[in-house]
Amino acid sequence: MSRADTVRFRYNQAILVAAIVAFIGALPLATARWWLLWVLLIPVALGAWAWRAGTDADARELRLRALVGQRRVPWTRVAELTADARGRAVARLDDGETLVLPAVRAADLPRLVSATGQELPESAG
């Protein structure tokens, strides 16, 4: 599958902008004493998470990406796609395990299903 066939879901990029602002704001504190340099790691980690975390879907699999690492789930293991009470998309696997899909909302489920190359059935009524 080419990258063009992959549907990507990411968190709002305003989080990345906030991490940059927090980094700049933490500079005076971090440079006041050498042992406060660790304070800069917090906005750097937040920015890296905002850049990387999310869900990628193509015709073969789902890829759930976090700050460190990723999990690949083939579509053959997905028994159901649904939304939880908070409006997040959830995948229930064939073994009963449930996975919250990072950065995917309930309203994004039709777009997620279209990544498989399948169509949603028309709702009755």
Protein backbone atom coordinates (compact mmCIF):
# COMPACT_ATOMS: atom_id res chain seq x y z
CA MET A 1 0.00 0.00 0.00
CA SER A 2 1.25 3.45 -0.80
CA ARG A 3 1.16 6.31 1.65
CA ALA A 4 -1.64 7.88 -0.39
CA ASP A 5 -3.90 4.95 0.53
CA THR A 6 -3.34 5.47 4.26
CA VAL A 7 -5.84 7.44 6.31
CA ARG A 8 -4.15 9.29 9.18
CA PHE A 9 -5.75 10.54 12.36
CA ARG A 10 -3.70 12.88 14.55
CA TYR A 11 -4.42 15.05 17.56
CA ASN A 12 -4.98 18.77 16.99
CA GLN A 13 -1.72 20.48 16.08
CA ALA A 14 -2.49 23.28 18.52
CA ILE A 15 -1.00 20.92 21.11
CA LEU A 16 2.32 21.13 19.24
CA VAL A 17 2.14 24.92 19.23
CA ALA A 18 1.40 24.89 22.97
CA ALA A 19 4.45 22.66 23.53
CA ILE A 20 6.65 25.14 21.66
CA VAL A 21 5.27 28.04 23.71
CA ALA A 22 5.81 26.03 26.92
CA PHE A 23 9.40 25.28 25.88
CA ILE A 24 10.11 28.96 25.30
CA GLY A 25 8.39 29.83 28.58
CA ALA A 26 10.45 27.24 30.48
CA LEU A 27 13.79 28.51 29.14
CA PRO A 28 14.31 31.21 31.82
CA LEU A 29 13.60 28.73 34.61
CA ALA A 30 15.72 25.98 33.07
CA THR A 31 18.70 28.25 32.51
CA ALA A 32 18.56 29.78 36.01
CA ARG A 33 20.28 26.70 37.51
CA TRP A 34 21.87 23.74 35.75
CA TRP A 35 19.83 21.24 37.77
CA LEU A 36 16.58 22.73 36.41
CA LEU A 37 17.38 21.77 32.81
CA TRP A 38 15.13 18.71 33.16
CA VAL A 39 12.13 21.09 33.05
CA LEU A 40 12.70 21.42 29.29
CA LEU A 41 12.04 17.70 28.83
CA ILE A 42 8.35 18.12 29.62
CA PRO A 43 7.44 20.38 26.66
CA VAL A 44 9.81 18.41 24.39
CA ALA A 45 8.04 15.14 25.30
CA LEU A 46 4.63 16.78 24.84
CA GLY A 47 5.65 18.11 21.43
CA ALA A 48 6.99 14.72 20.32
CA TRP A 49 3.77 13.05 21.44
CA ALA A 50 1.64 15.63 19.60
CA TRP A 51 3.69 15.08 16.44
CA ARG A 52 3.68 11.28 16.51
CA ALA A 53 0.63 9.90 18.36
CA GLY A 54 -2.45 8.85 16.44
CA THR A 55 -3.96 6.13 14.30
CA ASP A 56 -3.08 5.14 10.72
CA ALA A 57 -5.36 2.87 8.72
CA ASP A 58 -5.04 1.25 5.32
CA ALA A 59 -6.60 -1.75 3.61
CA ARG A 60 -4.37 -4.19 5.54
CA GLU A 61 -4.17 -2.95 9.11
CA LEU A 62 -4.59 -0.38 11.83
CA ARG A 63 -1.47 1.20 13.32
CA LEU A 64 -1.89 2.71 16.77
CA ARG A 65 1.01 5.08 17.41
CA ALA A 66 2.12 6.45 20.77
CA LEU A 67 5.05 8.56 21.93
CA VAL A 68 7.23 5.46 21.96
CA GLY A 69 6.30 2.46 19.84
CA GLN A 70 3.31 1.40 17.84
CA ARG A 71 0.89 -1.49 17.63
CA ARG A 72 -0.22 -3.04 14.37
CA VAL A 73 -3.60 -4.75 14.25
CA PRO A 74 -4.69 -6.50 11.05
CA TRP A 75 -8.29 -5.84 10.03
CA THR A 76 -8.97 -9.58 10.24
CA ARG A 77 -8.65 -9.30 14.05
CA VAL A 78 -11.12 -6.39 14.35
CA ALA A 79 -14.58 -7.69 15.23
CA GLU A 80 -16.29 -4.33 15.78
CA LEU A 81 -15.71 -0.60 15.56
CA THR A 82 -17.79 1.48 17.93
CA ALA A 83 -17.70 4.59 20.09
CA ASP A 84 -17.49 4.78 23.86
CA ALA A 85 -19.44 7.11 26.15
CA ARG A 86 -16.77 9.82 25.77
CA GLY A 87 -17.07 9.86 21.96
CA ARG A 88 -13.78 8.08 21.29
CA ALA A 89 -13.54 5.35 18.66
CA VAL A 90 -12.95 1.86 20.03
CA ALA A 91 -11.97 -1.33 18.22
CA ARG A 92 -13.09 -4.63 19.74
CA LEU A 93 -10.84 -7.49 18.68
CA ASP A 94 -11.82 -11.09 18.01
CA ASP A 95 -10.40 -12.16 21.40
CA GLY A 96 -12.56 -9.62 23.30
CA GLU A 97 -9.81 -7.07 23.86
CA THR A 98 -10.83 -3.45 23.31
CA LEU A 99 -8.49 -0.78 21.98
CA VAL A 100 -9.16 2.94 22.14
CA LEU A 101 -8.00 4.36 18.81
CA PRO A 102 -5.80 7.41 19.47
CA ALA A 103 -7.05 10.65 17.88
CA VAL A 104 -10.11 8.96 16.29
CA ARG A 105 -13.51 10.33 17.31
CA ALA A 106 -16.89 8.68 16.80
CA ALA A 107 -17.59 11.04 13.88
CA ASP A 108 -14.44 9.74 12.15
CA LEU A 109 -15.62 6.12 12.00
CA PRO A 110 -16.99 6.32 8.42
CA ARG A 111 -13.64 7.68 7.21
CA LEU A 112 -11.84 4.91 9.11
CA VAL A 113 -14.02 2.22 7.52
CA SER A 114 -13.45 3.71 4.06
CA ALA A 115 -9.71 3.07 4.53
CA THR A 116 -10.48 -0.65 4.36
CA GLY A 117 -11.96 -0.23 0.91
CA GLN A 118 -15.41 -1.25 2.17
CA GLU A 119 -18.61 0.73 2.37
CA LEU A 120 -20.81 1.30 5.39
CA PRO A 121 -24.30 -0.14 5.03
CA GLU A 122 -27.02 2.45 4.56
CA SER A 123 -28.87 3.13 7.81
CA ALA A 124 -32.46 2.04 7.82
CA GLY A 125 -35.09 4.66 8.44
